[in-house]
């Protein structure tokens, strides 16, 4: 069986391991930020849809 990614990284010099860890942390933060934006956008989209439905219903009553 092949080596795991962690095994390969463990064989690298310390400075390269630190660079990999820093890059990993940065990407993880970016993914989390994007996840939060998608949640916010989803809520905003739901609010717009609710307002459109409400306006359409009110418009039909006139």
N, C-alpha and C. Protein backbone atom coordinates (compact mmCIF):
# COMPACT_ATOMS: atom_id res chain seq x y z
N UNK A 1 0.86 -1.18 0.00
CA UNK A 1 0.00 0.00 0.00
C UNK A 1 0.90 1.24 0.00
N UNK A 2 0.44 2.32 -0.62
CA UNK A 2 1.21 3.55 -0.73
C UNK A 2 1.24 4.34 0.56
N UNK A 3 2.06 5.36 0.55
CA UNK A 3 2.18 6.24 1.71
C UNK A 3 1.01 7.22 1.76
N UNK A 4 0.63 7.58 2.98
CA UNK A 4 -0.41 8.59 3.13
C UNK A 4 0.21 9.97 2.90
N UNK A 5 -0.62 10.94 2.66
CA UNK A 5 -0.14 12.30 2.48
C UNK A 5 0.60 12.79 3.72
N UNK A 6 0.09 12.45 4.88
CA UNK A 6 0.76 12.85 6.12
C UNK A 6 2.15 12.23 6.24
N UNK A 7 2.30 10.99 5.78
CA UNK A 7 3.61 10.34 5.80
C UNK A 7 4.59 11.06 4.89
N UNK A 8 4.13 11.45 3.72
CA UNK A 8 4.99 12.14 2.76
C UNK A 8 5.38 13.51 3.31
N UNK A 9 4.42 14.22 3.87
CA UNK A 9 4.71 15.54 4.44
C UNK A 9 5.70 15.43 5.59
N UNK A 10 5.57 14.37 6.39
CA UNK A 10 6.47 14.18 7.54
C UNK A 10 7.92 14.00 7.10
N UNK A 11 8.14 13.56 5.86
CA UNK A 11 9.50 13.37 5.35
C UNK A 11 10.13 14.67 4.85
N UNK A 12 9.33 15.71 4.70
CA UNK A 12 9.84 16.99 4.19
C UNK A 12 10.56 17.76 5.27
N UNK A 13 11.44 18.67 4.87
CA UNK A 13 12.09 19.55 5.87
C UNK A 13 11.05 20.39 6.61
N UNK A 14 11.40 20.80 7.81
CA UNK A 14 10.48 21.54 8.67
C UNK A 14 9.92 22.79 8.03
N UNK A 15 10.74 23.55 7.30
CA UNK A 15 10.24 24.79 6.68
C UNK A 15 9.18 24.50 5.63
N UNK A 16 9.34 23.41 4.89
CA UNK A 16 8.32 23.05 3.91
C UNK A 16 7.05 22.57 4.59
N UNK A 17 7.21 21.85 5.69
CA UNK A 17 6.04 21.42 6.45
C UNK A 17 5.25 22.63 6.96
N UNK A 18 5.97 23.64 7.42
CA UNK A 18 5.32 24.86 7.91
C UNK A 18 4.60 25.58 6.78
N UNK A 19 5.20 25.63 5.60
CA UNK A 19 4.56 26.26 4.45
C UNK A 19 3.27 25.52 4.07
N UNK A 20 3.35 24.21 4.08
CA UNK A 20 2.16 23.39 3.75
C UNK A 20 1.07 23.62 4.78
N UNK A 21 1.43 23.64 6.05
CA UNK A 21 0.45 23.86 7.12
C UNK A 21 -0.20 25.25 7.00
N UNK A 22 0.61 26.26 6.70
CA UNK A 22 0.09 27.61 6.54
C UNK A 22 -0.88 27.68 5.36
N UNK A 23 -0.51 27.04 4.27
CA UNK A 23 -1.38 27.03 3.09
C UNK A 23 -2.68 26.29 3.40
N UNK A 24 -2.57 25.18 4.10
CA UNK A 24 -3.74 24.40 4.48
C UNK A 24 -4.69 25.24 5.35
N UNK A 25 -4.12 25.94 6.33
CA UNK A 25 -4.94 26.78 7.21
C UNK A 25 -5.62 27.90 6.43
N UNK A 26 -4.89 28.51 5.50
CA UNK A 26 -5.47 29.57 4.68
C UNK A 26 -6.62 29.07 3.83
N UNK A 27 -6.43 27.91 3.21
CA UNK A 27 -7.50 27.34 2.38
C UNK A 27 -8.71 26.95 3.22
N UNK A 28 -8.46 26.43 4.41
CA UNK A 28 -9.58 26.05 5.28
C UNK A 28 -10.39 27.29 5.67
N UNK A 29 -9.71 28.39 5.98
CA UNK A 29 -10.41 29.63 6.32
C UNK A 29 -11.20 30.16 5.12
N UNK A 30 -10.61 30.05 3.94
CA UNK A 30 -11.30 30.51 2.73
C UNK A 30 -12.57 29.70 2.48
N UNK A 31 -12.48 28.40 2.65
CA UNK A 31 -13.64 27.53 2.45
C UNK A 31 -14.73 27.88 3.46
N UNK A 32 -14.34 28.10 4.71
CA UNK A 32 -15.32 28.44 5.73
C UNK A 32 -15.99 29.78 5.41
N UNK A 33 -15.20 30.74 4.95
CA UNK A 33 -15.77 32.03 4.56
C UNK A 33 -16.76 31.90 3.42
N UNK A 34 -16.42 31.07 2.45
CA UNK A 34 -17.34 30.85 1.32
C UNK A 34 -18.60 30.14 1.78
N UNK A 35 -18.47 29.22 2.71
CA UNK A 35 -19.64 28.53 3.25
C UNK A 35 -20.58 29.54 3.92
N UNK A 36 -20.00 30.45 4.70
CA UNK A 36 -20.81 31.47 5.36
C UNK A 36 -21.49 32.38 4.35
N UNK A 37 -20.79 32.76 3.29
CA UNK A 37 -21.38 33.59 2.24
C UNK A 37 -22.55 32.89 1.56
N UNK A 38 -22.39 31.59 1.30
CA UNK A 38 -23.49 30.83 0.67
C UNK A 38 -24.70 30.80 1.59
N UNK A 39 -24.48 30.65 2.89
CA UNK A 39 -25.60 30.65 3.83
C UNK A 39 -26.29 32.00 3.84
N UNK A 40 -25.52 33.07 3.87
CA UNK A 40 -26.09 34.42 3.85
C UNK A 40 -26.86 34.65 2.56
N UNK A 41 -26.27 34.25 1.45
CA UNK A 41 -26.92 34.43 0.15
C UNK A 41 -28.22 33.62 0.09
N UNK A 42 -28.20 32.43 0.63
CA UNK A 42 -29.41 31.60 0.64
C UNK A 42 -30.51 32.25 1.44
N UNK A 43 -30.16 32.83 2.57
CA UNK A 43 -31.17 33.50 3.40
C UNK A 43 -31.71 34.72 2.66
N UNK A 44 -30.82 35.47 2.02
CA UNK A 44 -31.27 36.65 1.27
C UNK A 44 -32.18 36.23 0.13
N UNK A 45 -31.84 35.14 -0.54
CA UNK A 45 -32.66 34.66 -1.65
C UNK A 45 -34.04 34.25 -1.15
N UNK A 46 -34.10 33.60 0.00
CA UNK A 46 -35.39 33.22 0.58
C UNK A 46 -36.22 34.45 0.91
N UNK A 47 -35.58 35.50 1.44
CA UNK A 47 -36.30 36.72 1.78
C UNK A 47 -36.86 37.39 0.53
N UNK A 48 -36.08 37.43 -0.54
CA UNK A 48 -36.54 38.02 -1.80
C UNK A 48 -37.72 37.23 -2.34
N UNK A 49 -37.62 35.91 -2.31
CA UNK A 49 -38.72 35.08 -2.81
C UNK A 49 -39.99 35.31 -1.99
N UNK A 50 -39.85 35.43 -0.69
CA UNK A 50 -41.01 35.68 0.17
C UNK A 50 -41.64 37.02 -0.15
N UNK A 51 -40.82 38.05 -0.35
CA UNK A 51 -41.36 39.38 -0.70
C UNK A 51 -42.05 39.37 -2.05
N UNK A 52 -41.48 38.67 -3.01
CA UNK A 52 -42.10 38.60 -4.34
C UNK A 52 -43.46 37.90 -4.23
N UNK A 53 -43.51 36.81 -3.48
CA UNK A 53 -44.78 36.09 -3.31
C UNK A 53 -45.81 37.00 -2.65
N UNK A 54 -45.35 37.74 -1.64
CA UNK A 54 -46.26 38.65 -0.92
C UNK A 54 -46.76 39.75 -1.86
N UNK A 55 -45.86 40.36 -2.62
CA UNK A 55 -46.24 41.42 -3.53
C UNK A 55 -47.18 40.90 -4.62
N UNK A 56 -46.92 39.71 -5.08
CA UNK A 56 -47.77 39.12 -6.11
C UNK A 56 -49.16 38.86 -5.54
N UNK A 57 -49.23 38.36 -4.33
CA UNK A 57 -50.52 38.08 -3.69
C UNK A 57 -51.29 39.37 -3.44
N UNK A 58 -50.61 40.41 -3.01
CA UNK A 58 -51.25 41.69 -2.76
C UNK A 58 -51.70 42.30 -4.09
N UNK A 59 -50.89 42.16 -5.12
CA UNK A 59 -51.24 42.68 -6.44
C UNK A 59 -52.46 42.01 -7.02
N UNK A 60 -52.67 40.75 -6.72
CA UNK A 60 -53.82 40.02 -7.24
C UNK A 60 -55.11 40.43 -6.55
N UNK A 61 -55.01 40.95 -5.33
CA UNK A 61 -56.19 41.37 -4.59
C UNK A 61 -56.74 42.69 -5.11
N UNK A 62 -55.91 43.50 -5.74
CA UNK A 62 -56.36 44.84 -6.20
C UNK A 62 -57.31 44.77 -7.33
